[in-house]
Each structure stands twice: as structure tokens, then as C-alpha cells.
Amino acid sequence: MKTLYMVRHAKSSWEFDVIDHKRPLKERGNQDGSLVAQYVAENFNAPQQIVTSDAVRAMATAQYFKDAFGVSDINFKVTPNLYDFSGQKVMEIIKNLSDDYHTVLIVGHNHAFTSVANMMGNKYIDNVPTCGFVKIQFTEDQWSNITTGITIETVFPRDLKK
């Protein structure tokens, strides 16, 4: 059985004159990153690996989950292939994960993450919001064979602020 955690990067800032790839998190993004990561770490099993986009806002978001789960540096991977908005590269990353890992957390971007969550899960999600977390479970034993799984749970920042 394989479990995929997907996290869309937290809210980023448009305040700085930098290219899209270099945009940092804004204060709300930092607050949501901490809030969601802490909740998820307290309520879900730790991933064996975290794979994140190399965009600044995604890496900063991933760091909150790395710290909350206590994931080691060796199991924290940064890749430009998750800086993807269509979903094709996201699917490539997922399908090529090591079968040694049963639970993996990936951090990236929309529209790719909403599309992939809807394609691979069995629950329609209108939009994975910034810092939104989605857990999908698959019965397959190899990442390369996964198709459709069960959307076990979603955790969105607004759910934790009620």
C-alpha cells in the first residue's frame, strides 16, 4: 500500500520585485505553514520522504512539514520538476518514487496539484488552497502502478481556523 501526501505551497508574497521562482512566503503563508504542518504531524503518520519544488515558497512550506515530522535531511529532496503547473511532471515524480517508501509527501503548485489530486483521488476537490494538504491512499505496492486511490482526508488552513 502507498500513501501520498500532497501540499500546495503556502501563501506567497508579491511584495518583492523577484521572478516567480524566487517569491517568498508572506506572513500569512508562514502562519498557515506552521499551523497545518503541526496539525498534520500530530494526526498522520510521518512520511518517509519529502519531495519539494525548488521554488522558494514551496521549499519554505516543505520546511515546516520537515520540521514538524522530524524528517531527516537525507529524506528531504528538492527538485525543479515539481515546479510544474500542468501536472505532467508531478505525475512523473510520483510514478518514479522509490518503492522503498510507503508514504511520501510532495510540495508543489496549482493548477497541477488540484488536477493531480482529482485525477488520482476519488473525491472531487474544487481547488486545493494555499497550504492545503491532501492524503490519498493506493492499494498498489509500486508507485509506477498507481492509478486511482482513495482520498482519505483533506486539511485546509481555513478548517483549522474555525
N, C-alpha and C. Protein backbone atom coordinates (compact mmCIF):
# COMPACT_ATOMS: atom_id res chain seq x y z
N MET A 1 0.84 -1.19 0.00
CA MET A 1 0.00 0.00 0.00
C MET A 1 0.89 1.25 0.00
N LYS A 2 0.50 2.23 -0.79
CA LYS A 2 1.23 3.50 -0.87
C LYS A 2 0.33 4.64 -0.43
N THR A 3 0.92 5.61 0.24
CA THR A 3 0.18 6.79 0.69
C THR A 3 0.91 8.04 0.20
N LEU A 4 0.16 8.89 -0.47
CA LEU A 4 0.70 10.14 -0.99
C LEU A 4 0.08 11.30 -0.23
N TYR A 5 0.94 12.15 0.31
CA TYR A 5 0.52 13.42 0.90
C TYR A 5 0.90 14.49 -0.11
N MET A 6 -0.06 15.34 -0.45
CA MET A 6 0.21 16.46 -1.35
C MET A 6 -0.04 17.75 -0.59
N VAL A 7 0.89 18.70 -0.70
CA VAL A 7 0.73 20.01 -0.07
C VAL A 7 1.01 21.08 -1.10
N ARG A 8 0.03 21.93 -1.31
CA ARG A 8 0.28 23.11 -2.16
C ARG A 8 1.03 24.12 -1.30
N HIS A 9 2.01 24.79 -1.88
CA HIS A 9 2.78 25.78 -1.11
C HIS A 9 1.86 26.78 -0.43
N ALA A 10 2.34 27.32 0.68
CA ALA A 10 1.58 28.31 1.44
C ALA A 10 1.54 29.64 0.68
N LYS A 11 0.75 30.56 1.20
CA LYS A 11 0.53 31.87 0.55
C LYS A 11 1.84 32.62 0.37
N SER A 12 2.09 33.02 -0.88
CA SER A 12 3.34 33.71 -1.18
C SER A 12 3.12 35.21 -1.33
N SER A 13 4.22 35.92 -1.28
CA SER A 13 4.20 37.38 -1.33
C SER A 13 4.49 37.88 -2.74
N TRP A 14 3.77 38.91 -3.13
CA TRP A 14 4.02 39.61 -4.39
C TRP A 14 4.70 40.95 -4.11
N GLU A 15 5.12 41.14 -2.87
CA GLU A 15 5.66 42.42 -2.41
C GLU A 15 7.04 42.72 -2.99
N PHE A 16 7.78 41.68 -3.34
CA PHE A 16 9.16 41.88 -3.78
C PHE A 16 9.27 41.78 -5.29
N ASP A 17 10.20 42.52 -5.85
CA ASP A 17 10.42 42.52 -7.29
C ASP A 17 11.38 41.39 -7.65
N VAL A 18 10.83 40.16 -7.63
CA VAL A 18 11.64 38.98 -7.94
C VAL A 18 10.87 38.13 -8.94
N ILE A 19 11.60 37.26 -9.63
CA ILE A 19 10.94 36.34 -10.55
C ILE A 19 10.05 35.38 -9.76
N ASP A 20 9.07 34.80 -10.42
CA ASP A 20 8.10 33.92 -9.77
C ASP A 20 8.77 32.84 -8.93
N HIS A 21 9.81 32.26 -9.45
CA HIS A 21 10.52 31.17 -8.79
C HIS A 21 11.09 31.58 -7.42
N LYS A 22 11.37 32.85 -7.26
CA LYS A 22 12.03 33.37 -6.05
C LYS A 22 11.09 34.01 -5.04
N ARG A 23 9.77 33.99 -5.32
CA ARG A 23 8.85 34.64 -4.39
C ARG A 23 8.82 33.92 -3.04
N PRO A 24 8.97 34.68 -1.95
CA PRO A 24 8.94 34.09 -0.60
C PRO A 24 7.50 33.95 -0.09
N LEU A 25 7.36 33.35 1.06
CA LEU A 25 6.06 33.29 1.72
C LEU A 25 5.76 34.65 2.34
N LYS A 26 4.48 34.99 2.37
CA LYS A 26 4.09 36.19 3.11
C LYS A 26 3.80 35.75 4.55
N GLU A 27 3.53 36.68 5.43
CA GLU A 27 3.33 36.34 6.85
C GLU A 27 2.21 35.31 7.02
N ARG A 28 1.11 35.49 6.31
CA ARG A 28 0.02 34.51 6.42
C ARG A 28 0.49 33.13 5.97
N GLY A 29 1.34 33.07 4.97
CA GLY A 29 1.88 31.79 4.50
C GLY A 29 2.72 31.11 5.57
N ASN A 30 3.51 31.90 6.28
CA ASN A 30 4.30 31.34 7.38
C ASN A 30 3.40 30.83 8.50
N GLN A 31 2.36 31.60 8.81
CA GLN A 31 1.43 31.17 9.87
C GLN A 31 0.70 29.89 9.47
N ASP A 32 0.21 29.85 8.23
CA ASP A 32 -0.52 28.67 7.76
C ASP A 32 0.41 27.46 7.66
N GLY A 33 1.64 27.68 7.20
CA GLY A 33 2.60 26.59 7.10
C GLY A 33 2.84 25.93 8.44
N SER A 34 3.03 26.74 9.44
CA SER A 34 3.25 26.23 10.79
C SER A 34 2.01 25.53 11.32
N LEU A 35 0.85 26.15 11.15
CA LEU A 35 -0.42 25.62 11.65
C LEU A 35 -0.76 24.26 11.03
N VAL A 36 -0.74 24.19 9.71
CA VAL A 36 -1.12 22.95 9.02
C VAL A 36 -0.08 21.86 9.27
N ALA A 37 1.20 22.20 9.19
CA ALA A 37 2.24 21.19 9.42
C ALA A 37 2.13 20.58 10.81
N GLN A 38 1.90 21.42 11.80
CA GLN A 38 1.78 20.94 13.18
C GLN A 38 0.58 20.01 13.33
N TYR A 39 -0.55 20.42 12.77
CA TYR A 39 -1.77 19.60 12.85
C TYR A 39 -1.56 18.26 12.15
N VAL A 40 -1.02 18.29 10.96
CA VAL A 40 -0.81 17.07 10.18
C VAL A 40 0.16 16.14 10.90
N ALA A 41 1.24 16.69 11.44
CA ALA A 41 2.23 15.87 12.15
C ALA A 41 1.63 15.21 13.39
N GLU A 42 0.67 15.86 14.01
CA GLU A 42 0.03 15.30 15.21
C GLU A 42 -1.04 14.26 14.86
N ASN A 43 -1.53 14.26 13.62
CA ASN A 43 -2.67 13.42 13.27
C ASN A 43 -2.42 12.38 12.17
N PHE A 44 -1.24 12.40 11.56
CA PHE A 44 -0.94 11.48 10.48
C PHE A 44 0.45 10.88 10.69
N ASN A 45 0.66 9.70 10.11
CA ASN A 45 1.99 9.09 10.17
C ASN A 45 2.99 9.93 9.39
N ALA A 46 4.21 9.94 9.85
CA ALA A 46 5.26 10.72 9.18
C ALA A 46 5.58 10.12 7.82
N PRO A 47 5.82 10.98 6.83
CA PRO A 47 6.27 10.47 5.54
C PRO A 47 7.72 10.00 5.66
N GLN A 48 8.07 9.04 4.85
CA GLN A 48 9.46 8.57 4.83
C GLN A 48 10.33 9.50 4.00
N GLN A 49 9.70 10.23 3.10
CA GLN A 49 10.43 11.17 2.25
C GLN A 49 9.54 12.38 1.96
N ILE A 50 10.17 13.54 1.85
CA ILE A 50 9.51 14.75 1.38
C ILE A 50 10.22 15.17 0.10
N VAL A 51 9.43 15.44 -0.94
CA VAL A 51 9.96 15.92 -2.21
C VAL A 51 9.27 17.25 -2.50
N THR A 52 10.07 18.29 -2.74
CA THR A 52 9.50 19.62 -2.94
C THR A 52 10.02 20.28 -4.21
N SER A 53 9.19 21.15 -4.75
CA SER A 53 9.60 22.04 -5.83
C SER A 53 10.76 22.90 -5.32
N ASP A 54 11.60 23.34 -6.24
CA ASP A 54 12.72 24.19 -5.84
C ASP A 54 12.35 25.68 -5.78
N ALA A 55 11.09 26.01 -5.99
CA ALA A 55 10.66 27.40 -5.83
C ALA A 55 10.77 27.78 -4.36
N VAL A 56 11.17 28.99 -4.08
CA VAL A 56 11.40 29.44 -2.70
C VAL A 56 10.18 29.21 -1.82
N ARG A 57 8.99 29.56 -2.31
CA ARG A 57 7.78 29.43 -1.50
C ARG A 57 7.45 27.96 -1.19
N ALA A 58 7.74 27.07 -2.12
CA ALA A 58 7.49 25.64 -1.90
C ALA A 58 8.50 25.07 -0.91
N MET A 59 9.76 25.43 -1.06
CA MET A 59 10.79 24.92 -0.13
C MET A 59 10.53 25.41 1.29
N ALA A 60 10.08 26.67 1.43
CA ALA A 60 9.79 27.20 2.76
C ALA A 60 8.60 26.46 3.38
N THR A 61 7.60 26.16 2.58
CA THR A 61 6.45 25.39 3.06
C THR A 61 6.88 23.98 3.46
N ALA A 62 7.66 23.34 2.61
CA ALA A 62 8.13 21.98 2.87
C ALA A 62 8.94 21.93 4.16
N GLN A 63 9.68 22.98 4.45
CA GLN A 63 10.50 23.02 5.67
C GLN A 63 9.62 22.92 6.93
N TYR A 64 8.45 23.55 6.91
CA TYR A 64 7.54 23.43 8.06
C TYR A 64 7.15 21.97 8.29
N PHE A 65 6.88 21.23 7.22
CA PHE A 65 6.49 19.82 7.34
C PHE A 65 7.69 18.96 7.72
N LYS A 66 8.83 19.28 7.19
CA LYS A 66 10.07 18.55 7.53
C LYS A 66 10.32 18.66 9.03
N ASP A 67 10.24 19.88 9.54
CA ASP A 67 10.48 20.11 10.97
C ASP A 67 9.41 19.44 11.84
N ALA A 68 8.14 19.60 11.45
CA ALA A 68 7.04 19.05 12.25
C ALA A 68 7.10 17.53 12.33
N PHE A 69 7.46 16.89 11.22
CA PHE A 69 7.54 15.44 11.18
C PHE A 69 8.90 14.89 11.62
N GLY A 70 9.90 15.75 11.69
CA GLY A 70 11.24 15.30 12.03
C GLY A 70 11.89 14.49 10.92
N VAL A 71 11.63 14.85 9.68
CA VAL A 71 12.22 14.16 8.53
C VAL A 71 13.68 14.58 8.39
N SER A 72 14.54 13.61 8.18
CA SER A 72 15.98 13.89 8.08
C SER A 72 16.33 14.58 6.76
N ASP A 73 17.47 15.24 6.75
CA ASP A 73 17.95 15.92 5.54
C ASP A 73 18.08 14.94 4.37
N ILE A 74 18.50 13.72 4.66
CA ILE A 74 18.71 12.73 3.59
C ILE A 74 17.40 12.33 2.92
N ASN A 75 16.29 12.49 3.63
CA ASN A 75 14.97 12.15 3.08
C ASN A 75 14.16 13.38 2.67
N PHE A 76 14.88 14.49 2.46
CA PHE A 76 14.28 15.74 2.02
C PHE A 76 14.89 16.08 0.67
N LYS A 77 14.09 15.97 -0.38
CA LYS A 77 14.60 16.13 -1.75
C LYS A 77 13.98 17.36 -2.42
N VAL A 78 14.82 18.16 -3.04
CA VAL A 78 14.38 19.35 -3.76
C VAL A 78 14.57 19.08 -5.25
N THR A 79 13.53 19.34 -6.04
CA THR A 79 13.62 19.09 -7.48
C THR A 79 12.93 20.19 -8.29
N PRO A 80 13.54 20.61 -9.39
CA PRO A 80 12.88 21.59 -10.25
C PRO A 80 11.67 20.99 -10.97
N ASN A 81 11.58 19.67 -11.02
CA ASN A 81 10.47 19.03 -11.74
C ASN A 81 9.11 19.21 -11.07
N LEU A 82 9.09 19.59 -9.80
CA LEU A 82 7.80 19.87 -9.16
C LEU A 82 7.39 21.33 -9.34
N TYR A 83 8.25 22.12 -9.98
CA TYR A 83 7.85 23.48 -10.37
C TYR A 83 7.08 23.31 -11.69
N ASP A 84 5.89 22.77 -11.55
CA ASP A 84 5.08 22.33 -12.69
C ASP A 84 3.65 22.78 -12.43
N PHE A 85 3.01 23.28 -13.45
CA PHE A 85 1.66 23.79 -13.28
C PHE A 85 0.64 22.96 -14.05
N SER A 86 1.11 22.07 -14.93
CA SER A 86 0.20 21.25 -15.73
C SER A 86 -0.10 19.91 -15.08
N GLY A 87 0.85 19.37 -14.33
CA GLY A 87 0.66 18.09 -13.67
C GLY A 87 1.45 16.95 -14.30
N GLN A 88 1.95 17.13 -15.51
CA GLN A 88 2.69 16.05 -16.18
C GLN A 88 3.96 15.68 -15.43
N LYS A 89 4.73 16.67 -15.03
CA LYS A 89 5.97 16.39 -14.30
C LYS A 89 5.67 15.88 -12.89
N VAL A 90 4.58 16.37 -12.29
CA VAL A 90 4.18 15.89 -10.97
C VAL A 90 3.90 14.39 -11.05
N MET A 91 3.17 13.98 -12.07
CA MET A 91 2.87 12.55 -12.25
C MET A 91 4.15 11.75 -12.46
N GLU A 92 5.08 12.29 -13.22
CA GLU A 92 6.38 11.62 -13.43
C GLU A 92 7.10 11.40 -12.10
N ILE A 93 7.13 12.43 -11.28
CA ILE A 93 7.78 12.34 -9.97
C ILE A 93 7.12 11.24 -9.15
N ILE A 94 5.79 11.24 -9.08
CA ILE A 94 5.06 10.26 -8.28
C ILE A 94 5.34 8.84 -8.79
N LYS A 95 5.22 8.65 -10.09
CA LYS A 95 5.38 7.32 -10.68
C LYS A 95 6.80 6.79 -10.54
N ASN A 96 7.77 7.68 -10.32
CA ASN A 96 9.17 7.27 -10.21
C ASN A 96 9.69 7.28 -8.77
N LEU A 97 8.80 7.42 -7.79
CA LEU A 97 9.24 7.36 -6.40
C LEU A 97 9.78 5.96 -6.10
N SER A 98 10.70 5.89 -5.18
CA SER A 98 11.26 4.59 -4.78
C SER A 98 10.21 3.77 -4.05
N ASP A 99 10.08 2.51 -4.45
CA ASP A 99 9.13 1.62 -3.80
C ASP A 99 9.51 1.30 -2.37
N ASP A 100 10.73 1.68 -1.97
CA ASP A 100 11.14 1.53 -0.58
C ASP A 100 10.32 2.43 0.34
N TYR A 101 9.76 3.51 -0.22
CA TYR A 101 8.96 4.45 0.55
C TYR A 101 7.48 4.12 0.41
N HIS A 102 6.80 3.98 1.53
CA HIS A 102 5.36 3.70 1.50
C HIS A 102 4.54 4.97 1.64
N THR A 103 5.11 5.97 2.30
CA THR A 103 4.42 7.25 2.50
C THR A 103 5.36 8.38 2.10
N VAL A 104 4.91 9.20 1.15
CA VAL A 104 5.72 10.31 0.65
C VAL A 104 4.88 11.58 0.64
N LEU A 105 5.50 12.69 1.00
CA LEU A 105 4.85 14.00 0.96
C LEU A 105 5.51 14.80 -0.16
N ILE A 106 4.69 15.35 -1.06
CA ILE A 106 5.22 16.22 -2.11
C ILE A 106 4.65 17.62 -1.93
N VAL A 107 5.46 18.63 -2.25
CA VAL A 107 5.06 20.03 -2.11
C VAL A 107 5.24 20.71 -3.45
N GLY A 108 4.18 21.35 -3.93
CA GLY A 108 4.27 22.00 -5.24
C GLY A 108 3.21 23.06 -5.44
N HIS A 109 2.69 23.12 -6.66
CA HIS A 109 1.92 24.27 -7.13
C HIS A 109 0.59 23.88 -7.76
N ASN A 110 -0.29 24.86 -7.83
CA ASN A 110 -1.52 24.72 -8.60
C ASN A 110 -1.24 25.26 -9.99
N HIS A 111 -1.93 24.85 -10.92
CA HIS A 111 -3.12 24.05 -11.04
C HIS A 111 -2.81 22.57 -11.01
N ALA A 112 -1.55 22.25 -11.08
CA ALA A 112 -1.13 20.86 -11.12
C ALA A 112 -1.64 20.06 -9.93
N PHE A 113 -1.53 20.59 -8.72
CA PHE A 113 -1.87 19.79 -7.54
C PHE A 113 -3.37 19.52 -7.45
N THR A 114 -4.21 20.48 -7.79
CA THR A 114 -5.64 20.23 -7.79
C THR A 114 -5.98 19.19 -8.86
N SER A 115 -5.40 19.32 -10.04
CA SER A 115 -5.65 18.36 -11.13
C SER A 115 -5.22 16.96 -10.75
N VAL A 116 -4.02 16.82 -10.20
CA VAL A 116 -3.50 15.50 -9.83
C VAL A 116 -4.32 14.91 -8.68
N ALA A 117 -4.68 15.72 -7.70
CA ALA A 117 -5.50 15.23 -6.58
C ALA A 117 -6.84 14.70 -7.08
N ASN A 118 -7.43 15.38 -8.05
CA ASN A 118 -8.70 14.95 -8.60
C ASN A 118 -8.55 13.73 -9.51
N MET A 119 -7.47 13.65 -10.22
CA MET A 119 -7.23 12.53 -11.11
C MET A 119 -6.91 11.25 -10.33
N MET A 120 -6.13 11.39 -9.26
CA MET A 120 -5.67 10.21 -8.53
C MET A 120 -6.56 9.85 -7.34
N GLY A 121 -7.31 10.79 -6.83
CA GLY A 121 -8.18 10.52 -5.70
C GLY A 121 -9.61 10.26 -6.14
N ASN A 122 -10.46 9.87 -5.21
CA ASN A 122 -11.84 9.57 -5.54
C ASN A 122 -12.82 10.63 -5.04
N LYS A 123 -12.30 11.76 -4.60
CA LYS A 123 -13.14 12.85 -4.11
C LYS A 123 -12.79 14.10 -4.90
N TYR A 124 -13.81 14.76 -5.45
CA TYR A 124 -13.56 15.98 -6.22
C TYR A 124 -13.22 17.13 -5.27
N ILE A 125 -12.14 17.81 -5.59
CA ILE A 125 -11.73 18.99 -4.83
C ILE A 125 -11.75 20.15 -5.81
N ASP A 126 -12.56 21.15 -5.53
CA ASP A 126 -12.69 22.29 -6.43
C ASP A 126 -11.35 23.02 -6.60
N ASN A 127 -10.66 23.20 -5.48
CA ASN A 127 -9.38 23.89 -5.52
C ASN A 127 -8.60 23.55 -4.26
N VAL A 128 -7.39 23.04 -4.42
CA VAL A 128 -6.52 22.85 -3.26
C VAL A 128 -5.97 24.24 -2.93
N PRO A 129 -6.34 24.82 -1.79
CA PRO A 129 -5.91 26.17 -1.47
C PRO A 129 -4.44 26.21 -1.06
N THR A 130 -3.90 27.39 -0.95
CA THR A 130 -2.52 27.51 -0.48
C THR A 130 -2.40 26.84 0.88
N CYS A 131 -1.36 26.08 1.05
CA CYS A 131 -1.06 25.27 2.23
C CYS A 131 -2.10 24.17 2.47
N GLY A 132 -2.85 23.83 1.43
CA GLY A 132 -3.80 22.73 1.53
C GLY A 132 -3.08 21.39 1.49
N PHE A 133 -3.56 20.46 2.30
CA PHE A 133 -2.98 19.11 2.44
C PHE A 133 -4.02 18.09 1.98
N VAL A 134 -3.58 17.14 1.15
CA VAL A 134 -4.45 16.08 0.67
C VAL A 134 -3.74 14.75 0.90
N LYS A 135 -4.48 13.78 1.47
CA LYS A 135 -3.95 12.43 1.69
C LYS A 135 -4.70 11.47 0.79
N ILE A 136 -3.94 10.76 -0.08
CA ILE A 136 -4.53 9.76 -0.97
C ILE A 136 -3.82 8.43 -0.74
N GLN A 137 -4.62 7.38 -0.60
CA GLN A 137 -4.06 6.05 -0.35
C GLN A 137 -4.34 5.14 -1.55
N PHE A 138 -3.34 4.32 -1.87
CA PHE A 138 -3.42 3.41 -3.01
C PHE A 138 -3.18 1.98 -2.54
N THR A 139 -3.83 1.02 -3.17
CA THR A 139 -3.65 -0.38 -2.79
C THR A 139 -2.41 -1.00 -3.44
N GLU A 140 -1.88 -0.38 -4.45
CA GLU A 140 -0.71 -0.90 -5.17
C GLU A 140 0.54 -0.88 -4.29
N ASP A 141 1.48 -1.76 -4.61
CA ASP A 141 2.75 -1.83 -3.88
C ASP A 141 3.87 -1.11 -4.61
N GLN A 142 3.62 -0.69 -5.84
CA GLN A 142 4.64 0.02 -6.62
C GLN A 142 4.08 1.36 -7.08
N TRP A 143 4.87 2.40 -6.88
CA TRP A 143 4.43 3.73 -7.28
C TRP A 143 4.14 3.78 -8.78
N SER A 144 4.90 3.06 -9.57
CA SER A 144 4.72 3.09 -11.02
C SER A 144 3.38 2.52 -11.45
N ASN A 145 2.73 1.74 -10.59
CA ASN A 145 1.45 1.12 -10.92
C ASN A 145 0.23 1.85 -10.39
N ILE A 146 0.44 2.90 -9.61
CA ILE A 146 -0.73 3.56 -9.01
C ILE A 146 -1.56 4.28 -10.08
N THR A 147 -2.86 4.22 -9.89
CA THR A 147 -3.77 4.94 -10.78
C THR A 147 -4.72 5.76 -9.91
N THR A 148 -5.84 5.17 -9.55
CA THR A 148 -6.79 5.89 -8.70
C THR A 148 -6.79 5.29 -7.30
N GLY A 149 -6.72 6.17 -6.33
CA GLY A 149 -6.75 5.74 -4.94
C GLY A 149 -7.95 6.34 -4.23
N ILE A 150 -7.88 6.30 -2.91
CA ILE A 150 -8.95 6.83 -2.08
C ILE A 150 -8.46 8.11 -1.41
N THR A 151 -9.20 9.18 -1.59
CA THR A 151 -8.89 10.44 -0.91
C THR A 151 -9.33 10.26 0.53
N ILE A 152 -8.37 10.09 1.41
CA ILE A 152 -8.65 9.80 2.81
C ILE A 152 -9.05 11.06 3.56
N GLU A 153 -8.32 12.13 3.33
CA GLU A 153 -8.61 13.35 4.09
C GLU A 153 -7.98 14.57 3.42
N THR A 154 -8.59 15.71 3.67
CA THR A 154 -8.00 16.99 3.29
C THR A 154 -7.92 17.84 4.55
N VAL A 155 -6.88 18.66 4.61
CA VAL A 155 -6.73 19.61 5.70
C VAL A 155 -6.37 20.95 5.06
N PHE A 156 -7.26 21.90 5.18
CA PHE A 156 -7.03 23.22 4.62
C PHE A 156 -6.90 24.21 5.77
N PRO A 157 -6.09 25.25 5.61
CA PRO A 157 -5.90 26.21 6.70
C PRO A 157 -7.22 26.72 7.29
N ARG A 158 -8.20 26.98 6.44
CA ARG A 158 -9.49 27.52 6.95
C ARG A 158 -10.18 26.53 7.88
N ASP A 159 -9.92 25.22 7.69
CA ASP A 159 -10.52 24.21 8.57
C ASP A 159 -9.98 24.30 9.98
N LEU A 160 -8.77 24.80 10.12
CA LEU A 160 -8.12 24.84 11.43
C LEU A 160 -8.30 26.18 12.13
N LYS A 161 -8.92 27.13 11.44
CA LYS A 161 -9.07 28.48 12.00
C LYS A 161 -10.47 28.76 12.49
N LYS A 162 -11.33 27.76 12.51
CA LYS A 162 -12.73 27.96 12.91
C LYS A 162 -12.86 28.25 14.38
